[in-house]
Amino acid sequence: MRTSTLPSSTALGRRPHGRLGSGAIGALAALALLTACGVTPATPSDESVTTPEVAAEAEPTEQNVAESSAPEAAAPTESTSESVEPSPDEETETAPQPEPIEPQSFSGSGSDVVMLEPLGDGVFYATVTHDGSSNIALWSVDENGQNIDLLVNEIGTYEGDVALNFGEDPAALRVEADGGWTIDLVPLREAPRWDGSSAFEGHGGTILIVEGVADGLTPVALTHDGESNFAIWAWGEGRPDLIVNEIGAYDGTTLLPDGSLVLQITADGGWSISTD
C-alpha cells in the first residue's frame, strides 16, 4: 500500500455541509439520524401541547356566553334517527407503509459520475475501495451539479467507510481515479456499535455508532498506529464536531461531545477508542 502524500479531505479543511443545524430543517435531519441509529425520540403528550387553535377554542366569546345563558331546549322523548353501523364490506383505510430503500452498489474504473436513486428517509454510509496507484477522490454532488462534500481523497489502494447523507442528500457521486473502484451504500443501522463499556478497536476508515456513550463530559482515549491522517468527526443533533485531526501515530485523550450519535473515523492504520 502506498502512503498518501496528499492531505486527506479532513486535513484540507473539509466541513460537512448539510441539513444539520438550527431551524426546522436541522431538526428534521437530527430526527432522521436518531431514527437511523435505532433511537426513538421522546414526543410530548397531547395533553401537554396547546396549539393556537385549541387556545382559540378555549377562549370565551360573546356567542358562547349567550348560548350558555340561554335556556336549554327540552330533550326529545323519542329518537328520530337510528345509529348507522359501518357495513362489513367497509374497511378502515390505512396509510401505505413506505417501501424500504434498497442498498445501491456501483463499480467502475477511472473517472466517472454515478447517479444515485432517491434515498428517501434512509440514512446511509458508503464503503469505498480503490485498487489504483494514483489519486482517488470522491465527491458528493447535489441536483444542480454542485459539489457537496469531498468524501475521499487518498493515494493508491484504499478501503474505508464514509458518511454519505448524514447531512444533505446527494443526487450523484463524482469519482476521480486511475484504477478500479467500488462504492456500496450501507444503511446506517448496520454500522458497528460501541457502548463504551470496553475499548473498541478498528482499522482504517470506519463509521461507528456511539449512541448513549456521551452523557455530559465524556473523556475518551484514542490511539492510531498509521502513517497518514487520523481524524474523527462526531455527529450528533447539531453540526458535526472535529474531535481529533493528526498525521501519523497518535495517543491522546479528548472529549466526546455530549449527545454524540455517530463517529466518522478517517485512518490508514489500526486505531482504538475507550472511555478514559
Protein backbone atom coordinates (compact mmCIF):
# COMPACT_ATOMS: atom_id res chain seq x y z
CA MET A 1 0.00 0.00 0.00
CA ARG A 2 1.31 3.36 -0.99
CA THR A 3 1.11 6.03 1.68
CA SER A 4 -0.78 9.16 0.68
CA THR A 5 1.31 12.24 0.07
CA LEU A 6 -1.77 14.42 -0.18
CA PRO A 7 -3.70 15.66 2.84
CA SER A 8 -6.94 13.85 3.43
CA SER A 9 -10.32 15.51 2.97
CA THR A 10 -10.32 16.42 6.64
CA ALA A 11 -6.83 17.89 6.54
CA LEU A 12 -7.92 20.00 3.58
CA GLY A 13 -10.32 21.75 5.91
CA ARG A 14 -13.42 19.92 4.75
CA ARG A 15 -16.52 20.99 6.60
CA PRO A 16 -19.51 18.68 6.29
CA HIS A 17 -22.37 20.56 4.69
CA GLY A 18 -26.00 19.64 5.03
CA ARG A 19 -29.19 19.75 6.94
CA LEU A 20 -27.92 19.52 10.49
CA GLY A 21 -28.05 22.85 12.26
CA SER A 22 -30.65 25.24 13.56
CA GLY A 23 -34.23 25.59 12.40
CA ALA A 24 -36.85 23.15 11.18
CA ILE A 25 -34.60 21.61 8.53
CA GLY A 26 -31.90 20.87 11.10
CA ALA A 27 -34.47 19.32 13.42
CA LEU A 28 -35.70 17.00 10.67
CA ALA A 29 -32.14 15.90 9.84
CA ALA A 30 -31.37 15.24 13.51
CA LEU A 31 -34.56 13.19 13.78
CA ALA A 32 -33.54 11.12 10.74
CA LEU A 33 -30.10 10.44 12.24
CA LEU A 34 -31.61 9.49 15.61
CA THR A 35 -34.06 7.11 13.95
CA ALA A 36 -31.33 5.55 11.81
CA CYS A 37 -29.32 4.82 14.98
CA GLY A 38 -32.31 2.99 16.44
CA VAL A 39 -33.29 5.78 18.84
CA THR A 40 -36.97 6.65 19.38
CA PRO A 41 -37.12 10.37 20.22
CA ALA A 42 -39.50 11.29 23.02
CA THR A 43 -42.61 13.12 21.87
CA PRO A 44 -44.65 15.42 24.09
CA SER A 45 -48.02 14.20 25.37
CA ASP A 46 -51.07 15.50 23.51
CA GLU A 47 -52.45 16.79 26.80
CA SER A 48 -49.39 19.00 27.38
CA VAL A 49 -49.47 20.61 23.94
CA THR A 50 -51.67 23.63 23.42
CA THR A 51 -51.91 24.76 19.82
CA PRO A 52 -53.17 28.19 18.80
CA GLU A 53 -56.36 26.54 17.51
CA VAL A 54 -57.01 24.85 20.87
CA ALA A 55 -56.31 28.06 22.73
CA ALA A 56 -58.71 29.95 20.49
CA GLU A 57 -61.46 27.41 21.12
CA ALA A 58 -60.91 27.68 24.86
CA GLU A 59 -61.36 31.47 24.95
CA PRO A 60 -64.92 32.61 25.75
CA THR A 61 -66.70 34.63 23.07
CA GLU A 62 -69.92 36.68 23.21
CA GLN A 63 -71.67 33.99 21.21
CA ASN A 64 -70.52 31.27 23.59
CA VAL A 65 -71.64 33.31 26.61
CA ALA A 66 -75.05 33.96 25.05
CA GLU A 67 -75.54 30.33 24.20
CA SER A 68 -74.52 29.22 27.68
CA SER A 69 -77.03 31.62 29.30
CA ALA A 70 -79.94 30.59 27.06
CA PRO A 71 -82.44 28.05 28.47
CA GLU A 72 -81.77 24.52 27.42
CA ALA A 73 -84.11 23.01 24.87
CA ALA A 74 -86.23 20.13 26.04
CA ALA A 75 -84.79 16.79 25.13
CA PRO A 76 -86.83 14.82 22.60
CA THR A 77 -88.84 11.96 24.08
CA GLU A 78 -88.14 9.62 21.20
CA SER A 79 -85.16 9.21 19.00
CA THR A 80 -85.88 10.34 15.47
CA SER A 81 -82.78 8.81 13.94
CA GLU A 82 -81.13 5.47 14.04
CA SER A 83 -77.42 4.90 14.50
CA VAL A 84 -75.72 3.77 11.34
CA GLU A 85 -73.26 0.94 11.68
CA PRO A 86 -70.49 0.58 9.13
CA SER A 87 -71.02 -2.10 6.53
CA PRO A 88 -68.92 -5.24 6.96
CA ASP A 89 -67.63 -4.59 3.46
CA GLU A 90 -66.28 -1.19 4.52
CA GLU A 91 -62.74 -1.43 5.91
CA THR A 92 -60.75 1.29 7.55
CA GLU A 93 -58.15 2.61 5.14
CA THR A 94 -54.60 2.62 6.44
CA ALA A 95 -51.76 4.73 5.13
CA PRO A 96 -49.41 2.69 2.93
CA GLN A 97 -46.08 1.88 4.53
CA PRO A 98 -43.07 3.34 2.72
CA GLU A 99 -41.06 0.76 0.83
CA PRO A 100 -37.57 0.18 2.25
CA ILE A 101 -34.78 1.82 0.28
CA GLU A 102 -32.72 -0.81 -1.47
CA PRO A 103 -28.95 -0.51 -0.90
CA GLN A 104 -27.15 0.65 -4.03
CA SER A 105 -23.83 -0.69 -5.31
CA PHE A 106 -21.59 0.63 -8.08
CA SER A 107 -18.28 -0.32 -9.66
CA GLY A 108 -16.10 1.06 -12.40
CA SER A 109 -12.63 2.12 -13.43
CA GLY A 110 -11.14 5.56 -13.83
CA SER A 111 -13.08 8.80 -13.56
CA ASP A 112 -16.86 8.59 -13.73
CA VAL A 113 -20.14 10.00 -12.41
CA VAL A 114 -22.56 7.74 -10.51
CA MET A 115 -26.23 8.75 -10.47
CA LEU A 116 -27.99 7.83 -7.21
CA GLU A 117 -31.56 6.70 -6.74
CA PRO A 118 -33.50 8.92 -4.28
CA LEU A 119 -32.54 7.98 -0.73
CA GLY A 120 -35.88 8.94 0.82
CA ASP A 121 -35.82 8.89 4.62
CA GLY A 122 -32.95 6.41 4.75
CA VAL A 123 -29.56 7.36 6.20
CA PHE A 124 -26.58 5.65 4.57
CA TYR A 125 -22.81 5.48 4.65
CA ALA A 126 -20.64 4.35 1.74
CA THR A 127 -17.99 1.64 1.69
CA VAL A 128 -15.40 2.64 -0.93
CA THR A 129 -12.50 0.66 -2.42
CA HIS A 130 -9.82 1.58 -4.97
CA ASP A 131 -7.02 -0.54 -6.46
CA GLY A 132 -5.16 2.10 -8.47
CA SER A 133 -1.75 3.63 -7.86
CA SER A 134 -2.65 7.32 -8.16
CA ASN A 135 -5.18 9.62 -6.51
CA ILE A 136 -8.76 8.63 -5.79
CA ALA A 137 -11.19 11.45 -4.99
CA LEU A 138 -14.89 11.00 -4.34
CA TRP A 139 -17.26 13.98 -4.30
CA SER A 140 -20.93 14.02 -3.36
CA VAL A 141 -22.90 16.23 -5.78
CA ASP A 142 -26.30 17.92 -5.45
CA GLU A 143 -29.08 18.01 -8.06
CA ASN A 144 -27.60 21.19 -9.55
CA GLY A 145 -24.23 19.57 -10.14
CA GLN A 146 -22.55 21.44 -7.30
CA ASN A 147 -20.11 19.65 -5.00
CA ILE A 148 -21.48 18.99 -1.52
CA ASP A 149 -18.54 17.31 0.18
CA LEU A 150 -15.17 15.68 -0.53
CA LEU A 151 -15.73 12.20 0.87
CA VAL A 152 -12.43 10.53 -0.10
CA ASN A 153 -9.05 11.95 -1.13
CA GLU A 154 -6.28 9.35 -0.98
CA ILE A 155 -3.35 7.99 -2.98
CA GLY A 156 -3.20 4.40 -4.19
CA THR A 157 -5.02 1.43 -2.71
CA TYR A 158 -7.89 2.44 -0.46
CA GLU A 159 -10.71 0.85 1.52
CA GLY A 160 -12.90 2.70 4.01
CA ASP A 161 -16.33 3.85 5.14
CA VAL A 162 -17.53 7.45 4.80
CA ALA A 163 -20.72 9.30 5.76
CA LEU A 164 -22.97 9.77 2.73
CA ASN A 165 -26.18 11.63 3.60
CA PHE A 166 -25.84 12.40 7.30
CA GLY A 167 -26.34 15.95 6.06
CA GLU A 168 -27.64 16.86 2.61
CA ASP A 169 -28.89 14.14 0.26
CA PRO A 170 -26.60 13.83 -2.78
CA ALA A 171 -28.03 13.26 -6.25
CA ALA A 172 -24.80 11.79 -7.62
CA LEU A 173 -21.21 10.84 -6.80
CA ARG A 174 -18.26 12.06 -8.88
CA VAL A 175 -15.25 9.74 -8.97
CA GLU A 176 -11.70 10.66 -9.94
CA ALA A 177 -9.46 7.58 -10.04
CA ASP A 178 -6.86 5.75 -12.12
CA GLY A 179 -7.85 2.22 -11.12
CA GLY A 180 -10.84 0.05 -10.40
CA TRP A 181 -13.23 1.13 -7.66
CA THR A 182 -16.41 0.05 -5.89
CA ILE A 183 -18.99 2.04 -3.92
CA ASP A 184 -21.55 0.26 -1.75
CA LEU A 185 -24.27 2.17 0.10
CA VAL A 186 -24.98 0.65 3.52
CA PRO A 187 -27.86 1.59 5.90
CA LEU A 188 -26.51 3.35 8.98
CA ARG A 189 -28.25 0.86 11.30
CA GLU A 190 -25.81 -1.83 10.06
CA ALA A 191 -22.72 0.08 11.25
CA PRO A 192 -20.78 -1.33 14.23
CA ARG A 193 -21.79 -0.05 17.67
CA TRP A 194 -19.75 0.87 20.73
CA ASP A 195 -21.40 1.05 24.16
CA GLY A 196 -18.34 2.46 25.96
CA SER A 197 -18.03 -0.43 28.40
CA SER A 198 -14.68 -1.56 26.98
CA ALA A 199 -12.15 -0.45 24.38
CA PHE A 200 -13.20 -0.66 20.73
CA GLU A 201 -10.55 -1.41 18.10
CA GLY A 202 -10.76 -0.90 14.35
CA HIS A 203 -8.70 -0.37 11.24
CA GLY A 204 -8.99 2.24 8.52
CA GLY A 205 -11.96 4.46 7.77
CA THR A 206 -14.97 3.42 9.84
CA ILE A 207 -18.47 4.59 10.73
CA LEU A 208 -19.15 3.81 14.41
CA ILE A 209 -22.47 4.27 16.25
CA VAL A 210 -21.86 5.57 19.80
CA GLU A 211 -25.41 6.50 20.84
CA GLY A 212 -25.72 6.60 24.64
CA VAL A 213 -21.98 6.78 25.38
CA ALA A 214 -21.57 10.56 25.67
CA ASP A 215 -23.62 11.96 28.55
CA GLY A 216 -22.15 15.24 29.77
CA LEU A 217 -18.36 15.45 29.98
CA THR A 218 -17.05 12.19 28.49
CA PRO A 219 -13.25 11.87 28.08
CA VAL A 220 -12.15 9.24 25.55
CA ALA A 221 -8.66 7.85 24.98
CA LEU A 222 -7.67 7.45 21.32
CA THR A 223 -4.75 5.69 19.62
CA HIS A 224 -3.66 5.37 15.98
CA ASP A 225 -0.66 3.49 14.53
CA GLY A 226 -0.94 4.59 10.89
CA GLU A 227 1.24 6.96 8.89
CA SER A 228 -1.37 9.22 7.28
CA ASN A 229 -4.22 11.38 8.54
CA PHE A 230 -6.15 10.35 11.66
CA ALA A 231 -9.34 12.37 12.08
CA ILE A 232 -12.66 11.83 13.83
CA TRP A 233 -15.90 13.71 13.24
CA ALA A 234 -18.60 13.31 15.93
CA TRP A 235 -22.15 13.59 14.59
CA GLY A 236 -24.97 14.43 16.99
CA GLU A 237 -28.12 16.53 16.91
CA GLY A 238 -26.17 19.54 15.64
CA ARG A 239 -23.36 20.08 13.19
CA PRO A 240 -20.51 17.54 13.48
CA ASP A 241 -17.51 18.27 15.69
CA LEU A 242 -13.91 17.52 14.66
CA ILE A 243 -12.50 15.97 17.86
CA VAL A 244 -9.08 14.86 16.57
CA ASN A 245 -7.06 15.69 13.43
CA GLU A 246 -3.46 14.45 13.40
CA ILE A 247 -0.92 12.95 10.98
CA GLY A 248 0.67 9.60 11.76
CA ALA A 249 0.78 7.82 15.12
CA TYR A 250 -1.41 9.27 17.85
CA ASP A 251 -2.03 8.58 21.52
CA GLY A 252 -4.12 11.07 23.46
CA THR A 253 -7.34 11.91 25.27
CA THR A 254 -10.11 14.24 24.19
CA LEU A 255 -13.78 14.89 24.94
CA LEU A 256 -16.62 13.13 23.14
CA PRO A 257 -19.30 15.82 22.62
CA ASP A 258 -22.43 15.40 24.71
CA GLY A 259 -25.15 13.60 22.76
CA SER A 260 -22.84 12.18 20.07
CA LEU A 261 -24.58 9.56 17.94
CA VAL A 262 -22.10 8.53 15.24
CA LEU A 263 -18.34 8.82 14.71
CA GLN A 264 -16.78 9.06 11.25
CA ILE A 265 -13.20 7.87 11.61
CA THR A 266 -10.55 8.57 8.97
CA ALA A 267 -7.42 6.43 9.39
CA ASP A 268 -4.90 4.37 7.42
CA GLY A 269 -3.86 2.15 10.30
CA GLY A 270 -5.20 0.49 13.42
CA TRP A 271 -6.97 2.64 15.99
CA SER A 272 -8.73 2.29 19.33
CA ILE A 273 -11.18 4.26 21.44
CA SER A 274 -12.03 3.81 25.13
CA THR A 275 -13.58 5.79 27.94
CA ASP A 276 -10.76 7.34 29.99
